N, C-alpha and C. Protein backbone atom coordinates (compact mmCIF):
# COMPACT_ATOMS: atom_id res chain seq x y z
N UNK A 1 0.81 -1.19 0.00
CA UNK A 1 0.00 0.00 0.00
C UNK A 1 0.86 1.26 0.00
N UNK A 2 1.89 1.32 0.84
CA UNK A 2 2.73 2.51 0.93
C UNK A 2 4.10 2.25 0.31
N UNK A 3 4.64 3.27 -0.32
CA UNK A 3 6.02 3.24 -0.75
C UNK A 3 6.92 3.57 0.44
N UNK A 4 6.56 4.68 1.14
CA UNK A 4 7.33 5.11 2.29
C UNK A 4 6.53 6.09 3.13
N UNK A 5 6.98 6.28 4.35
CA UNK A 5 6.44 7.27 5.28
C UNK A 5 7.62 8.12 5.72
N UNK A 6 7.41 9.43 5.81
CA UNK A 6 8.48 10.34 6.20
C UNK A 6 8.01 11.23 7.34
N UNK A 7 8.87 11.39 8.34
CA UNK A 7 8.66 12.35 9.42
C UNK A 7 9.83 13.32 9.42
N UNK A 8 9.61 14.50 9.95
CA UNK A 8 10.66 15.49 10.03
C UNK A 8 11.32 15.51 11.40
N UNK A 9 12.61 15.87 11.40
CA UNK A 9 13.35 16.02 12.65
C UNK A 9 14.46 17.04 12.44
N UNK A 10 14.70 17.85 13.45
CA UNK A 10 15.79 18.81 13.40
C UNK A 10 17.10 18.16 13.84
N UNK A 11 17.04 17.23 14.79
CA UNK A 11 18.22 16.56 15.33
C UNK A 11 18.22 15.11 14.86
N UNK A 12 18.94 14.84 13.78
CA UNK A 12 18.96 13.48 13.22
C UNK A 12 19.70 12.49 14.11
N UNK A 13 20.66 12.96 14.90
CA UNK A 13 21.34 12.05 15.82
C UNK A 13 20.36 11.53 16.87
N UNK A 14 19.58 12.41 17.47
CA UNK A 14 18.58 12.00 18.46
C UNK A 14 17.51 11.13 17.81
N UNK A 15 17.07 11.51 16.61
CA UNK A 15 16.07 10.70 15.90
C UNK A 15 16.62 9.32 15.58
N UNK A 16 17.87 9.25 15.16
CA UNK A 16 18.48 7.97 14.84
C UNK A 16 18.55 7.06 16.04
N UNK A 17 18.95 7.61 17.20
CA UNK A 17 19.01 6.80 18.42
C UNK A 17 17.62 6.29 18.79
N UNK A 18 16.62 7.18 18.72
CA UNK A 18 15.25 6.80 19.08
C UNK A 18 14.71 5.72 18.15
N UNK A 19 14.79 5.95 16.84
CA UNK A 19 14.20 4.99 15.91
C UNK A 19 15.00 3.70 15.78
N UNK A 20 16.32 3.74 15.96
CA UNK A 20 17.07 2.49 16.04
C UNK A 20 16.55 1.66 17.21
N UNK A 21 16.37 2.31 18.37
CA UNK A 21 15.88 1.62 19.56
C UNK A 21 14.45 1.10 19.37
N UNK A 22 13.60 1.92 18.78
CA UNK A 22 12.19 1.54 18.58
C UNK A 22 12.04 0.43 17.55
N UNK A 23 12.77 0.52 16.45
CA UNK A 23 12.51 -0.35 15.31
C UNK A 23 13.32 -1.65 15.28
N UNK A 24 14.49 -1.68 15.89
CA UNK A 24 15.29 -2.90 15.88
C UNK A 24 14.55 -4.09 16.50
N UNK A 25 13.86 -3.94 17.66
CA UNK A 25 13.12 -5.08 18.20
C UNK A 25 11.96 -5.54 17.31
N UNK A 26 11.60 -4.72 16.33
CA UNK A 26 10.52 -5.07 15.42
C UNK A 26 11.05 -5.71 14.14
N UNK A 27 12.37 -5.88 14.05
CA UNK A 27 12.96 -6.53 12.89
C UNK A 27 13.31 -5.60 11.75
N UNK A 28 13.28 -4.28 11.97
CA UNK A 28 13.68 -3.35 10.93
C UNK A 28 15.14 -2.98 11.12
N UNK A 29 15.80 -2.62 10.04
CA UNK A 29 17.18 -2.20 10.11
C UNK A 29 17.36 -0.88 9.39
N UNK A 30 18.36 -0.13 9.86
CA UNK A 30 18.65 1.14 9.20
C UNK A 30 19.43 0.85 7.92
N UNK A 31 19.10 1.56 6.87
CA UNK A 31 19.83 1.44 5.62
C UNK A 31 20.40 2.80 5.26
N UNK A 32 21.41 2.77 4.44
CA UNK A 32 22.07 4.01 4.02
C UNK A 32 21.14 4.83 3.12
N UNK A 33 21.18 6.12 3.32
CA UNK A 33 20.47 7.04 2.43
C UNK A 33 21.54 7.73 1.60
N UNK A 34 21.51 7.48 0.31
CA UNK A 34 22.52 8.06 -0.58
C UNK A 34 22.16 9.51 -0.88
N UNK A 35 23.13 10.41 -0.75
CA UNK A 35 22.85 11.81 -1.05
C UNK A 35 22.38 11.98 -2.49
N UNK A 36 21.28 12.70 -2.66
CA UNK A 36 20.74 12.93 -4.00
C UNK A 36 20.47 14.40 -4.25
N UNK A 37 21.00 15.25 -3.38
CA UNK A 37 20.77 16.68 -3.52
C UNK A 37 19.56 17.16 -2.75
N UNK A 38 18.79 16.22 -2.20
CA UNK A 38 17.61 16.58 -1.42
C UNK A 38 17.95 16.72 0.06
N UNK A 39 16.95 16.54 0.86
CA UNK A 39 17.12 16.66 2.30
C UNK A 39 18.01 15.54 2.84
N UNK A 40 18.67 15.80 3.96
CA UNK A 40 19.49 14.81 4.65
C UNK A 40 18.58 14.00 5.55
N UNK A 41 18.76 12.67 5.54
CA UNK A 41 17.85 11.87 6.34
C UNK A 41 18.35 10.49 6.67
N UNK A 42 17.48 9.75 7.34
CA UNK A 42 17.71 8.38 7.79
C UNK A 42 16.60 7.50 7.26
N UNK A 43 16.87 6.18 7.17
CA UNK A 43 15.88 5.27 6.60
C UNK A 43 15.96 3.91 7.30
N UNK A 44 14.79 3.29 7.48
CA UNK A 44 14.70 1.93 8.02
C UNK A 44 13.78 1.11 7.12
N UNK A 45 14.05 -0.21 7.09
CA UNK A 45 13.18 -1.13 6.36
C UNK A 45 13.41 -2.54 6.92
N UNK A 46 12.53 -3.43 6.55
CA UNK A 46 12.66 -4.84 6.92
C UNK A 46 13.68 -5.48 5.97
N UNK A 47 14.67 -6.21 6.50
CA UNK A 47 15.68 -6.84 5.64
C UNK A 47 15.03 -7.70 4.56
N UNK A 48 15.56 -7.58 3.35
CA UNK A 48 15.08 -8.39 2.24
C UNK A 48 13.84 -7.85 1.55
N UNK A 49 13.24 -6.80 2.07
CA UNK A 49 12.06 -6.21 1.45
C UNK A 49 12.42 -4.86 0.86
N UNK A 50 11.98 -4.63 -0.35
CA UNK A 50 12.28 -3.36 -1.01
C UNK A 50 11.40 -2.22 -0.51
N UNK A 51 10.21 -2.49 -0.09
CA UNK A 51 9.28 -1.48 0.41
C UNK A 51 8.39 -2.11 1.46
N UNK A 52 7.80 -1.35 2.33
CA UNK A 52 7.87 0.10 2.48
C UNK A 52 9.11 0.51 3.27
N UNK A 53 9.44 1.78 3.17
CA UNK A 53 10.55 2.37 3.90
C UNK A 53 9.98 3.40 4.87
N UNK A 54 10.71 3.60 5.95
CA UNK A 54 10.38 4.64 6.92
C UNK A 54 11.56 5.61 6.97
N UNK A 55 11.30 6.88 6.69
CA UNK A 55 12.33 7.91 6.66
C UNK A 55 12.12 8.94 7.76
N UNK A 56 13.23 9.51 8.21
CA UNK A 56 13.23 10.72 9.03
C UNK A 56 14.20 11.68 8.34
N UNK A 57 13.70 12.84 7.96
CA UNK A 57 14.49 13.82 7.23
C UNK A 57 14.47 15.17 7.94
N UNK A 58 15.55 15.93 7.73
CA UNK A 58 15.48 17.36 8.03
C UNK A 58 14.57 17.95 6.95
N UNK A 59 13.69 18.86 7.30
CA UNK A 59 12.79 19.42 6.30
C UNK A 59 13.54 20.03 5.12
N UNK A 60 13.06 19.73 3.93
CA UNK A 60 13.67 20.18 2.69
C UNK A 60 13.70 21.70 2.59
N UNK A 61 12.67 22.35 3.13
CA UNK A 61 12.60 23.81 3.01
C UNK A 61 13.49 24.55 4.01
N UNK A 62 14.19 23.80 4.88
CA UNK A 62 15.11 24.42 5.82
C UNK A 62 14.45 24.98 7.07
N UNK A 63 13.14 24.98 7.12
CA UNK A 63 12.44 25.47 8.31
C UNK A 63 12.43 24.38 9.37
N UNK A 64 12.15 24.73 10.63
CA UNK A 64 12.13 23.73 11.70
C UNK A 64 11.08 22.65 11.44
N UNK A 65 11.42 21.44 11.84
CA UNK A 65 10.46 20.33 11.76
C UNK A 65 9.40 20.51 12.83
N UNK A 66 8.22 19.99 12.58
CA UNK A 66 7.15 20.06 13.56
C UNK A 66 6.31 18.79 13.51
N UNK A 67 5.87 18.38 14.67
CA UNK A 67 5.00 17.20 14.76
C UNK A 67 3.58 17.60 14.38
N UNK A 68 2.93 16.79 13.57
CA UNK A 68 1.56 17.08 13.16
C UNK A 68 0.56 16.71 14.23
N UNK A 69 -0.38 17.58 14.51
CA UNK A 69 -1.43 17.30 15.46
C UNK A 69 -2.38 16.27 14.85
N UNK A 70 -2.49 15.11 15.46
CA UNK A 70 -3.31 14.04 14.93
C UNK A 70 -2.54 13.09 14.02
N UNK A 71 -1.24 13.35 13.82
CA UNK A 71 -0.41 12.50 12.98
C UNK A 71 0.27 11.46 13.84
N UNK A 72 0.28 10.21 13.37
CA UNK A 72 0.93 9.12 14.09
C UNK A 72 1.35 8.06 13.07
N UNK A 73 2.49 7.44 13.33
CA UNK A 73 2.93 6.30 12.53
C UNK A 73 2.88 5.08 13.44
N UNK A 74 2.21 4.03 12.97
CA UNK A 74 2.09 2.79 13.75
C UNK A 74 2.94 1.71 13.11
N UNK A 75 3.74 1.05 13.94
CA UNK A 75 4.63 -0.02 13.49
C UNK A 75 4.12 -1.35 14.03
N UNK A 76 4.02 -2.33 13.16
CA UNK A 76 3.53 -3.65 13.52
C UNK A 76 4.64 -4.46 14.19
N UNK A 77 4.34 -5.04 15.34
CA UNK A 77 5.28 -5.86 16.10
C UNK A 77 4.92 -7.33 15.94
N UNK A 78 5.94 -8.23 16.01
CA UNK A 78 5.66 -9.65 15.86
C UNK A 78 5.11 -10.32 17.11
N UNK A 79 5.13 -9.61 18.26
CA UNK A 79 4.65 -10.20 19.51
C UNK A 79 4.43 -9.10 20.55
N UNK A 80 3.74 -9.45 21.62
CA UNK A 80 3.59 -8.52 22.74
C UNK A 80 4.95 -8.20 23.36
N UNK A 81 5.80 -9.22 23.45
CA UNK A 81 7.14 -9.01 24.01
C UNK A 81 7.93 -8.01 23.17
N UNK A 82 7.79 -8.07 21.85
CA UNK A 82 8.48 -7.11 20.98
C UNK A 82 7.96 -5.69 21.23
N UNK A 83 6.68 -5.54 21.51
CA UNK A 83 6.13 -4.23 21.86
C UNK A 83 6.81 -3.72 23.12
N UNK A 84 6.90 -4.57 24.13
CA UNK A 84 7.52 -4.16 25.40
C UNK A 84 9.00 -3.80 25.22
N UNK A 85 9.73 -4.62 24.46
CA UNK A 85 11.16 -4.35 24.23
C UNK A 85 11.35 -3.05 23.45
N UNK A 86 10.55 -2.87 22.42
CA UNK A 86 10.63 -1.68 21.58
C UNK A 86 10.35 -0.42 22.41
N UNK A 87 9.29 -0.47 23.19
CA UNK A 87 8.89 0.66 24.02
C UNK A 87 10.00 1.00 25.03
N UNK A 88 10.51 -0.01 25.74
CA UNK A 88 11.55 0.22 26.75
C UNK A 88 12.80 0.81 26.12
N UNK A 89 13.22 0.27 25.00
CA UNK A 89 14.43 0.77 24.33
C UNK A 89 14.23 2.19 23.84
N UNK A 90 13.08 2.48 23.28
CA UNK A 90 12.81 3.83 22.76
C UNK A 90 12.69 4.84 23.90
N UNK A 91 12.10 4.45 25.01
CA UNK A 91 12.02 5.35 26.16
C UNK A 91 13.43 5.67 26.66
N UNK A 92 14.31 4.67 26.70
CA UNK A 92 15.69 4.88 27.14
C UNK A 92 16.47 5.73 26.15
N UNK A 93 16.00 5.81 24.91
CA UNK A 93 16.68 6.58 23.86
C UNK A 93 16.03 7.95 23.65
N UNK A 94 15.30 8.44 24.64
CA UNK A 94 14.77 9.80 24.56
C UNK A 94 13.30 9.92 24.25
N UNK A 95 12.57 8.80 24.22
CA UNK A 95 11.14 8.85 23.94
C UNK A 95 10.34 9.37 25.13
N UNK A 96 9.12 9.82 24.85
CA UNK A 96 8.18 10.24 25.89
C UNK A 96 6.95 9.37 25.80
N UNK A 97 6.48 8.91 26.94
CA UNK A 97 5.33 8.01 26.99
C UNK A 97 4.04 8.75 26.64
N UNK A 98 3.26 8.13 25.77
CA UNK A 98 1.91 8.60 25.45
C UNK A 98 0.89 7.50 25.77
N UNK A 99 1.36 6.39 26.32
CA UNK A 99 0.52 5.26 26.67
C UNK A 99 1.39 4.01 26.75
N UNK A 100 1.61 3.48 27.97
CA UNK A 100 2.52 2.35 28.13
C UNK A 100 1.99 1.08 27.46
N UNK A 101 2.87 0.09 27.29
CA UNK A 101 2.43 -1.17 26.68
C UNK A 101 1.28 -1.79 27.46
N UNK A 102 0.33 -2.30 26.72
CA UNK A 102 -0.80 -2.96 27.37
C UNK A 102 -1.86 -3.36 26.36
N UNK A 103 -2.79 -4.17 26.86
CA UNK A 103 -3.92 -4.60 26.02
C UNK A 103 -4.85 -3.42 25.79
N UNK A 104 -5.41 -3.39 24.63
CA UNK A 104 -6.40 -2.38 24.27
C UNK A 104 -7.57 -3.09 23.57
N UNK A 105 -8.33 -3.85 24.37
CA UNK A 105 -9.40 -4.66 23.78
C UNK A 105 -10.53 -3.84 23.16
N UNK A 106 -10.61 -2.56 23.50
CA UNK A 106 -11.62 -1.71 22.89
C UNK A 106 -11.32 -1.45 21.41
N UNK A 107 -10.06 -1.68 20.97
CA UNK A 107 -9.72 -1.57 19.55
C UNK A 107 -10.04 -2.86 18.82
N UNK A 108 -9.63 -4.00 19.41
CA UNK A 108 -9.87 -5.32 18.81
C UNK A 108 -9.40 -6.38 19.80
N UNK A 109 -9.96 -7.57 19.74
CA UNK A 109 -9.46 -8.65 20.59
C UNK A 109 -8.00 -8.94 20.23
N UNK A 110 -7.14 -9.08 21.23
CA UNK A 110 -5.74 -9.37 20.97
C UNK A 110 -4.89 -8.18 20.57
N UNK A 111 -5.46 -6.97 20.69
CA UNK A 111 -4.72 -5.75 20.34
C UNK A 111 -3.87 -5.34 21.52
N UNK A 112 -2.55 -5.24 21.32
CA UNK A 112 -1.60 -4.91 22.38
C UNK A 112 -0.65 -3.86 21.84
N UNK A 113 -0.59 -2.71 22.49
CA UNK A 113 0.24 -1.65 21.93
C UNK A 113 0.78 -0.69 22.95
N UNK A 114 1.64 0.21 22.47
CA UNK A 114 2.23 1.28 23.26
C UNK A 114 2.35 2.51 22.37
N UNK A 115 2.27 3.68 22.99
CA UNK A 115 2.35 4.95 22.29
C UNK A 115 3.49 5.78 22.86
N UNK A 116 4.25 6.43 21.97
CA UNK A 116 5.38 7.25 22.37
C UNK A 116 5.47 8.50 21.50
N UNK A 117 6.27 9.42 21.96
CA UNK A 117 6.68 10.57 21.15
C UNK A 117 8.19 10.50 20.98
N UNK A 118 8.66 10.78 19.77
CA UNK A 118 10.10 10.80 19.52
C UNK A 118 10.66 12.13 20.03
N UNK A 119 11.98 12.33 20.00
CA UNK A 119 12.55 13.57 20.53
C UNK A 119 12.03 14.84 19.85
N UNK A 120 11.53 14.74 18.62
CA UNK A 120 10.98 15.90 17.91
C UNK A 120 9.53 16.15 18.29
N UNK A 121 8.88 15.15 18.89
CA UNK A 121 7.47 15.27 19.25
C UNK A 121 6.53 14.49 18.35
N UNK A 122 7.07 13.80 17.32
CA UNK A 122 6.25 12.96 16.45
C UNK A 122 5.72 11.78 17.25
N UNK A 123 4.47 11.41 17.00
CA UNK A 123 3.86 10.31 17.73
C UNK A 123 4.07 8.99 16.98
N UNK A 124 4.46 7.97 17.76
CA UNK A 124 4.66 6.63 17.21
C UNK A 124 3.85 5.63 18.04
N UNK A 125 3.41 4.60 17.38
CA UNK A 125 2.64 3.54 18.02
C UNK A 125 3.28 2.21 17.61
N UNK A 126 3.47 1.33 18.57
CA UNK A 126 3.96 -0.02 18.30
C UNK A 126 2.84 -0.96 18.70
N UNK A 127 2.45 -1.85 17.78
CA UNK A 127 1.27 -2.68 18.05
C UNK A 127 1.48 -4.12 17.59
N UNK A 128 1.03 -5.02 18.44
CA UNK A 128 0.90 -6.43 18.08
C UNK A 128 -0.58 -6.68 17.89
N UNK A 129 -0.95 -7.22 16.74
CA UNK A 129 -2.35 -7.48 16.43
C UNK A 129 -2.62 -8.97 16.56
N UNK A 130 -2.89 -9.42 17.77
CA UNK A 130 -3.21 -10.82 17.99
C UNK A 130 -4.44 -11.28 17.23
N UNK A 131 -5.37 -10.33 17.00
CA UNK A 131 -6.56 -10.67 16.24
C UNK A 131 -6.21 -11.02 14.79
N UNK A 132 -5.21 -10.36 14.23
CA UNK A 132 -4.80 -10.64 12.86
C UNK A 132 -3.90 -11.87 12.81
N UNK A 133 -3.04 -12.05 13.84
CA UNK A 133 -2.15 -13.21 13.87
C UNK A 133 -2.97 -14.50 13.94
N UNK A 134 -4.05 -14.48 14.71
CA UNK A 134 -4.90 -15.68 14.85
C UNK A 134 -5.63 -15.99 13.55
N UNK A 135 -5.89 -14.95 12.76
CA UNK A 135 -6.62 -15.15 11.51
C UNK A 135 -5.71 -15.74 10.42
N UNK A 136 -4.38 -15.70 10.68
CA UNK A 136 -3.44 -16.29 9.73
C UNK A 136 -3.01 -15.34 8.70
């Protein structure tokens, strides 16, 4: 469905630490972003898959990055334990809690997730969908 998702950040070092911590327990790895004359940024993807990619860039227009009100990126986790590991690592790497790991049965049976903000203020969600895993 998606080619890529991009968020803005002013401090790529802080963003890199946060997203490395958040995404590594989910099986994503950072890949090199080759300079193309555009914005400077970072990228993560699942090994062996060409798409989708997740990017964090300094804004192309040179103005400060800003978190969108109502904007959130949700990352699928392979297990509840992966949600907990991802959340703990990201919190230790500068994240802010927006909702600790836990069941959220009001969303769906088997829905387990956590909500965080990255150092720039962008909202991230890590979720294990037990309802989808059971469906195969």
